[in-house]
Protein backbone atom coordinates (compact mmCIF):
# COMPACT_ATOMS: atom_id res chain seq x y z
CA MET A 1 -1.79 -7.89 -14.42
CA SER A 2 0.55 -5.29 -12.21
CA THR A 3 3.63 -6.71 -10.50
CA VAL A 4 4.22 -5.26 -6.80
CA ARG A 5 7.81 -4.21 -5.89
CA VAL A 6 8.46 -3.77 -1.99
CA TYR A 7 11.71 -2.08 -1.12
CA LYS A 8 13.19 -0.95 2.27
CA SER A 9 16.71 0.28 3.82
CA THR A 10 17.47 -2.92 5.37
CA ASP A 11 17.95 -4.69 2.14
CA SER A 12 21.17 -6.01 0.99
CA GLY A 13 23.01 -3.47 -1.32
CA ALA A 14 19.99 -1.18 -0.49
CA PRO A 15 20.70 2.49 -1.39
CA ALA A 16 21.48 4.97 1.56
CA HIS A 17 18.50 7.21 2.34
CA PRO A 18 17.94 10.81 0.68
CA THR A 19 20.11 13.21 2.41
CA ALA A 20 20.58 17.05 2.17
CA THR A 21 23.08 16.06 -0.97
CA LYS A 22 21.91 16.76 -4.02
CA GLY A 23 21.20 13.89 -5.87
CA THR A 24 20.44 11.32 -3.34
CA MET A 25 16.42 11.27 -3.73
CA ALA A 26 16.84 10.85 -7.29
CA ALA A 27 19.61 7.89 -6.48
CA LEU A 28 17.03 6.15 -4.43
CA LEU A 29 14.19 6.38 -6.87
CA ARG A 30 16.32 4.93 -9.86
CA ALA A 31 17.98 1.99 -7.72
CA CYS A 32 13.59 1.12 -7.27
CA LEU A 33 12.54 2.05 -10.48
CA VAL A 34 15.28 1.71 -13.19
CA THR A 35 17.92 -0.60 -12.62
CA GLY A 36 17.59 -2.67 -9.08
CA TYR A 37 20.38 -2.76 -6.73
CA GLY A 38 21.31 -5.87 -5.02
CA SER A 39 18.90 -9.00 -5.72
CA LYS A 40 16.26 -6.74 -6.46
CA ALA A 41 15.04 -6.45 -9.92
CA PRO A 42 13.37 -2.69 -10.80
CA ALA A 43 9.55 -1.58 -10.64
CA GLY A 44 10.19 -1.50 -15.00
CA TRP A 45 10.02 2.36 -14.74
CA SER A 46 12.95 4.51 -17.40
CA GLU A 47 14.38 7.48 -17.26
CA PRO A 48 13.76 9.07 -20.65
CA HIS A 49 16.40 11.98 -20.10
CA VAL A 50 19.90 11.32 -18.52
CA GLU A 51 20.09 12.99 -15.23
CA SER A 52 21.62 16.65 -15.67
CA GLY A 53 22.55 19.53 -13.12
CA ASN A 54 20.36 17.83 -10.39
CA ILE A 55 17.77 17.20 -12.63
CA ALA A 56 16.08 13.68 -13.13
CA CYS A 57 12.52 12.57 -14.65
CA PHE A 58 10.59 9.21 -14.81
CA ARG A 59 8.29 7.27 -16.77
CA ALA A 60 6.71 4.49 -16.00
CA PRO A 61 6.08 1.79 -18.48
CA GLU A 62 2.64 1.61 -19.45
CA GLY A 63 -0.61 3.60 -18.52
CA ALA A 64 -1.04 7.31 -18.77
CA GLN A 65 2.75 7.35 -19.17
CA GLN A 66 3.14 11.34 -17.76
CA PHE A 67 6.66 12.35 -16.79
CA PHE A 68 7.69 13.16 -13.64
CA GLN A 69 10.19 15.45 -13.38
CA LEU A 70 12.65 15.39 -9.61
CA ALA A 71 14.34 18.67 -9.71
CA ASP A 72 17.22 18.66 -6.76
CA THR A 73 17.44 22.33 -7.16
CA GLN A 74 17.00 23.99 -4.57
CA ALA A 75 19.48 26.44 -3.11
CA THR A 76 18.75 26.82 0.77
CA ASN A 77 15.54 24.14 1.40
CA VAL A 78 18.19 21.63 0.51
CA ASN A 79 16.36 18.08 2.56
CA VAL A 80 13.40 18.47 -0.07
CA ALA A 81 13.26 18.12 -3.73
CA VAL A 82 10.43 19.38 -6.41
CA MET A 83 8.17 16.91 -8.31
CA ALA A 84 6.68 18.12 -10.95
CA GLY A 85 4.23 16.20 -13.90
CA PHE A 86 4.12 16.76 -17.23
CA GLU A 87 2.76 15.26 -20.93
CA SER A 88 5.91 15.24 -22.69
CA MET A 89 9.88 16.32 -21.83
CA SER A 90 12.05 17.77 -24.71
CA ASP A 91 14.85 16.71 -22.40
CA VAL A 92 15.31 16.21 -18.59
CA ALA A 93 14.83 20.47 -17.89
CA THR A 94 12.26 20.86 -20.43
CA GLY A 95 8.56 20.03 -20.22
CA GLN A 96 5.47 20.88 -21.82
CA GLY A 97 1.57 20.21 -20.77
CA GLY A 98 3.04 20.91 -16.99
CA TRP A 99 0.05 19.84 -14.56
CA GLY A 100 1.41 20.65 -11.34
CA SER A 101 4.44 20.24 -8.59
CA LYS A 102 4.68 19.52 -4.98
CA TYR A 103 7.67 19.46 -3.02
CA PHE A 104 8.79 15.93 -2.10
CA GLY A 105 10.92 15.76 1.16
CA LYS A 106 14.24 14.09 1.18
CA ARG A 107 15.14 14.12 5.02
CA SER A 108 13.78 14.97 8.48
CA THR A 109 14.40 18.49 9.50
CA VAL A 110 16.43 16.06 12.48
CA VAL A 111 18.83 14.69 11.34
CA GLY A 112 19.48 11.08 12.01
CA SER A 113 16.80 9.53 10.11
CA THR A 114 17.66 6.02 7.44
CA ALA A 115 14.65 3.70 7.27
CA TRP A 116 12.70 4.07 4.19
CA TRP A 117 10.41 1.87 2.05
CA VAL A 118 9.37 2.19 -1.62
CA VAL A 119 6.26 0.39 -2.41
CA ALA A 120 5.78 0.23 -6.28
CA ASP A 121 4.70 -1.06 -9.80
CA GLU A 122 4.44 -0.36 -13.50
CA ARG A 123 2.17 2.85 -12.96
CA THR A 124 2.21 4.07 -9.30
CA VAL A 125 4.96 4.85 -6.58
CA TYR A 126 4.41 5.34 -3.07
CA VAL A 127 7.82 6.73 -1.10
CA PHE A 128 7.39 5.90 2.38
CA LEU A 129 10.75 8.45 4.53
CA ASP A 130 11.45 7.72 8.25
CA THR A 131 11.11 10.82 11.15
CA THR A 132 11.79 11.04 14.36
CA ARG A 133 7.51 10.73 14.69
CA GLY A 134 6.92 7.76 12.08
CA LEU A 135 7.17 7.38 8.05
CA THR A 136 6.04 10.17 6.39
CA GLY A 137 4.14 9.49 2.32
CA HIS A 138 4.90 10.53 -0.70
CA VAL A 139 3.24 9.10 -4.17
CA PHE A 140 3.47 10.17 -7.93
CA GLY A 141 2.63 7.78 -11.05
CA GLU A 142 -2.14 6.94 -11.41
CA TYR A 143 -4.61 6.33 -9.42
CA ARG A 144 -7.94 5.19 -10.02
CA SER A 145 -10.19 7.31 -11.85
CA PHE A 146 -13.58 7.23 -11.40
CA VAL A 147 -14.49 8.95 -14.35
CA ASP A 148 -14.12 6.46 -17.33
CA ASP A 149 -11.81 6.27 -19.61
CA ASP A 150 -9.94 9.32 -18.21
CA PRO A 151 -6.88 10.15 -19.67
CA TYR A 152 -5.31 12.23 -17.03
CA ASN A 153 -5.31 10.00 -13.83
CA SER A 154 -2.01 11.16 -13.07
CA LEU A 155 -1.11 12.39 -9.07
CA ILE A 156 1.37 13.93 -7.30
CA GLY A 157 1.37 13.60 -3.59
CA GLY A 158 3.98 15.21 -1.55
CA HIS A 159 3.29 18.35 0.81
CA GLN A 160 3.56 22.47 0.77
CA ASN A 161 6.77 22.87 3.46
CA ALA A 162 10.03 23.49 1.86
CA GLY A 163 11.74 22.23 5.57
CA GLY A 164 11.50 19.12 5.39
CA VAL A 165 9.59 15.82 5.60
CA TYR A 166 9.86 16.41 9.49
CA THR A 167 7.32 19.55 9.04
CA ILE A 168 5.74 17.91 6.24
CA SER A 169 1.75 19.75 6.08
CA GLY A 170 0.74 16.34 4.33
CA PRO A 171 -0.19 13.66 4.42
CA SER A 172 -1.76 13.56 7.60
CA PRO A 173 -3.18 10.42 8.38
CA ASN A 174 -6.16 9.98 11.41
CA ALA A 175 -5.27 8.81 14.77
CA ASN A 176 -8.60 6.75 15.18
CA ALA A 177 -8.90 5.53 11.58
CA GLY A 178 -5.48 5.36 10.32
CA VAL A 179 -6.57 7.22 7.20
CA LEU A 180 -3.73 8.75 4.48
CA PHE A 181 -4.12 11.53 2.50
CA LEU A 182 -1.35 13.10 0.69
CA ASN A 183 -2.83 16.40 -0.81
CA PRO A 184 -2.07 15.58 -4.04
CA GLY A 185 -1.80 17.74 -6.89
CA LYS A 186 -4.24 16.28 -9.48
CA LYS A 187 -4.31 17.51 -13.30
CA VAL A 188 -7.68 18.85 -14.68
CA THR A 189 -8.25 18.69 -18.45
CA ASP A 190 -10.65 18.65 -20.88
CA THR A 191 -12.02 16.22 -22.00
CA PHE A 192 -11.90 16.62 -25.97
CA THR A 193 -8.46 19.24 -26.41
CA ALA A 194 -6.72 17.43 -23.31
CA THR A 195 -5.15 20.81 -22.20
CA VAL A 196 -5.03 22.18 -18.98
CA SER A 197 -7.55 24.69 -17.79
CA SER A 198 -6.82 24.98 -13.93
CA PHE A 199 -4.73 23.27 -11.23
CA TYR A 200 -5.23 23.05 -7.56
CA ASP A 201 -3.22 22.25 -4.76
CA GLY A 202 -5.82 20.14 -3.76
CA PRO A 203 -7.21 17.05 -5.99
CA SER A 204 -9.60 17.83 -8.06
CA HIS A 205 -10.75 16.67 -11.23
CA ALA A 206 -13.67 18.41 -13.98
CA LYS A 207 -14.09 17.64 -17.36
CA ASN A 208 -16.85 18.97 -20.03
CA GLY A 209 -18.21 20.92 -17.31
CA VAL A 210 -18.37 18.81 -15.05
CA SER A 211 -17.03 20.21 -12.20
CA THR A 212 -18.23 17.08 -9.15
CA ILE A 213 -17.80 13.34 -9.13
CA GLY A 214 -18.97 11.96 -6.60
CA PRO A 215 -20.75 13.19 -3.14
CA THR A 216 -19.96 16.64 -2.03
CA GLY A 217 -19.07 18.17 1.31
CA LEU A 218 -16.76 15.60 2.26
CA ALA A 219 -13.70 18.14 2.61
CA ASN A 220 -12.30 16.71 5.89
CA ASN A 221 -9.73 14.25 5.17
CA SER A 222 -11.06 11.37 8.13
CA ALA A 223 -12.70 9.01 7.28
CA PHE A 224 -15.41 10.19 9.83
CA ILE A 225 -17.20 13.43 9.49
CA ASN A 226 -19.67 13.72 12.77
CA GLY A 227 -19.37 10.73 14.01
CA ALA A 228 -20.76 9.15 10.55
CA LEU A 229 -18.38 6.74 7.74
CA GLN A 230 -18.42 8.53 4.92
CA PHE A 231 -16.53 5.83 2.79
CA PRO A 232 -17.29 1.60 2.21
CA VAL A 233 -15.54 -0.53 4.35
CA VAL A 234 -13.87 -2.95 1.65
CA ALA A 235 -16.14 -5.89 3.05
CA ALA A 236 -14.16 -8.42 1.03
CA LEU A 237 -11.11 -8.47 3.56
CA SER A 238 -13.79 -8.98 5.91
CA TYR A 239 -11.98 -6.58 8.28
CA PRO A 240 -12.75 -2.59 8.95
CA VAL A 241 -10.12 -1.04 6.45
CA VAL A 242 -11.00 2.22 4.24
CA THR A 243 -9.82 2.94 0.49
CA PRO A 244 -8.48 5.75 0.62
CA TYR A 245 -9.92 8.39 -1.87
CA ILE A 246 -9.07 11.17 -3.53
CA ILE A 247 -10.70 13.77 -2.28
CA ASN A 248 -11.24 17.99 -4.17
CA GLY A 249 -10.61 20.05 -1.34
CA SER A 250 -12.25 22.71 -2.53
CA ASN A 251 -15.38 21.70 -2.89
CA GLY A 252 -15.40 17.97 -1.04
CA SER A 253 -16.12 16.36 -4.65
CA VAL A 254 -14.36 12.23 -4.72
CA CYS A 255 -13.01 12.41 -8.01
CA GLY A 256 -11.07 8.68 -7.52
CA ARG A 257 -9.03 6.46 -5.26
CA TYR A 258 -5.60 5.45 -4.37
CA ARG A 259 -4.46 2.52 -6.14
CA GLY A 260 -3.44 -0.70 -3.76
CA ILE A 261 -3.13 1.23 -0.99
CA TYR A 262 -5.76 0.57 2.58
CA CYS A 263 -6.50 1.80 6.06
CA PRO A 264 -7.84 0.69 8.98
CA LEU A 265 -10.65 1.73 11.18
CA ALA A 266 -7.94 0.70 14.58
CA PHE A 267 -4.96 2.88 15.70
CA ARG A 268 -1.91 1.00 14.14
CA PRO A 269 -4.03 -2.82 14.68
CA LYS A 270 -0.84 -4.70 13.04
CA THR A 271 2.90 -4.49 13.70
CA HIS A 272 4.72 -2.36 11.77
CA GLY A 273 6.67 -3.65 8.73
CA THR A 274 5.66 -7.63 9.24
CA THR A 275 3.61 -8.37 6.21
CA PHE A 276 0.08 -10.21 7.08
CA GLU A 277 -2.34 -12.62 4.84
CA LEU A 278 -5.97 -11.24 4.83
CA GLY A 279 -8.72 -12.00 3.25
CA GLY A 280 -6.34 -13.80 0.26
CA LYS A 281 -3.89 -11.22 -0.21
CA THR A 282 -0.37 -10.04 1.64
CA PHE A 283 -0.29 -6.73 3.02
CA LEU A 284 2.46 -4.66 3.91
CA PRO A 285 1.40 -2.51 7.39
CA LEU A 286 3.45 0.64 7.60
CA ASP A 287 3.35 3.50 10.48
CA LEU A 288 2.91 6.51 9.72
CA GLY A 289 3.64 9.89 10.94
CA TYR A 290 4.35 14.08 11.30
CA GLY A 291 4.10 15.49 14.39
CA THR A 292 4.58 15.11 18.20
CA GLY A 293 0.94 14.52 18.73
CA GLY A 294 -1.14 11.11 18.53
CA ASP A 295 -3.55 12.77 15.36
CA THR A 296 -1.25 13.00 12.96
CA HIS A 297 -0.39 9.19 13.53
CA GLY A 298 -1.49 6.18 11.79
CA GLN A 299 -1.16 3.12 9.35
CA VAL A 300 -1.38 2.12 6.47
CA TRP A 301 -2.04 -1.03 4.68
CA LEU A 302 0.05 -1.34 1.43
CA ASP A 303 -1.36 -4.76 -1.14
CA THR A 304 1.90 -6.70 -2.27
CA THR A 305 -0.80 -9.53 -3.46
CA GLY A 306 0.78 -8.75 -7.38
CA THR A 307 -2.47 -6.71 -8.82
CA TRP A 308 -3.03 -3.65 -8.35
CA GLU A 309 -6.70 -2.40 -10.08
CA VAL A 310 -5.99 0.33 -12.89
């Protein structure tokens, strides 16, 4: 049973949107995950080591409990920090069993963005930051793996561009389907030794010689390829939505799916930021967008009912 909590910039006592100032992204995550603010209770995460030198780390209270290090130490690219994953950490700057990293946007390159949303439970954290085009998504924590008893079902969803959230290279919400693709980093491990064997920019999953999980040939991040729906609609919701999948960009194999987030097969069908009921669940719709063209705009629904699948 997970407790889903929603935090947003308009809450009383909410921290400000991250800026170029070092430590502002860590302050936002700390307020939402560890300490809480105003009347908002924290999501139950911890900081195993005290922030030092503009480096912080966060850890979930249950599940895989990987260590997520946030290094806000960029000398020139001040609009981003770097989120990295480790199996363990001896101090805030030193990690063991590293499995990859991504840029984590702090502010848009166009100054003036102020809105943010954080939606989290005890295993997974989604962070949405404002741009002049709409929100840009980031994620860290766990996903639902299609591999039984997967001990490394963890990911970081950020981007490759160091310029800030406005020029992000991922996520890429599809305008017609609203599909979210976070281009996460994924740890690739050996089943028996549980050591890192490889790390891909796009998500991948190879265990004990198994290089393909699920169907192949789905490297496109859209739910539709050549007009055909690739992923099944979530029929229980009585509405055409799909669950965004973790896709290996190198061979198109499907490794798992994101927890608690859905993509409507329509262009922004619900009012941004206004919760609604459907199929016995409560959803928070958020408009996404990172470019000027409509093909970079979409919408995702966060399930705020209270239980995300493990």
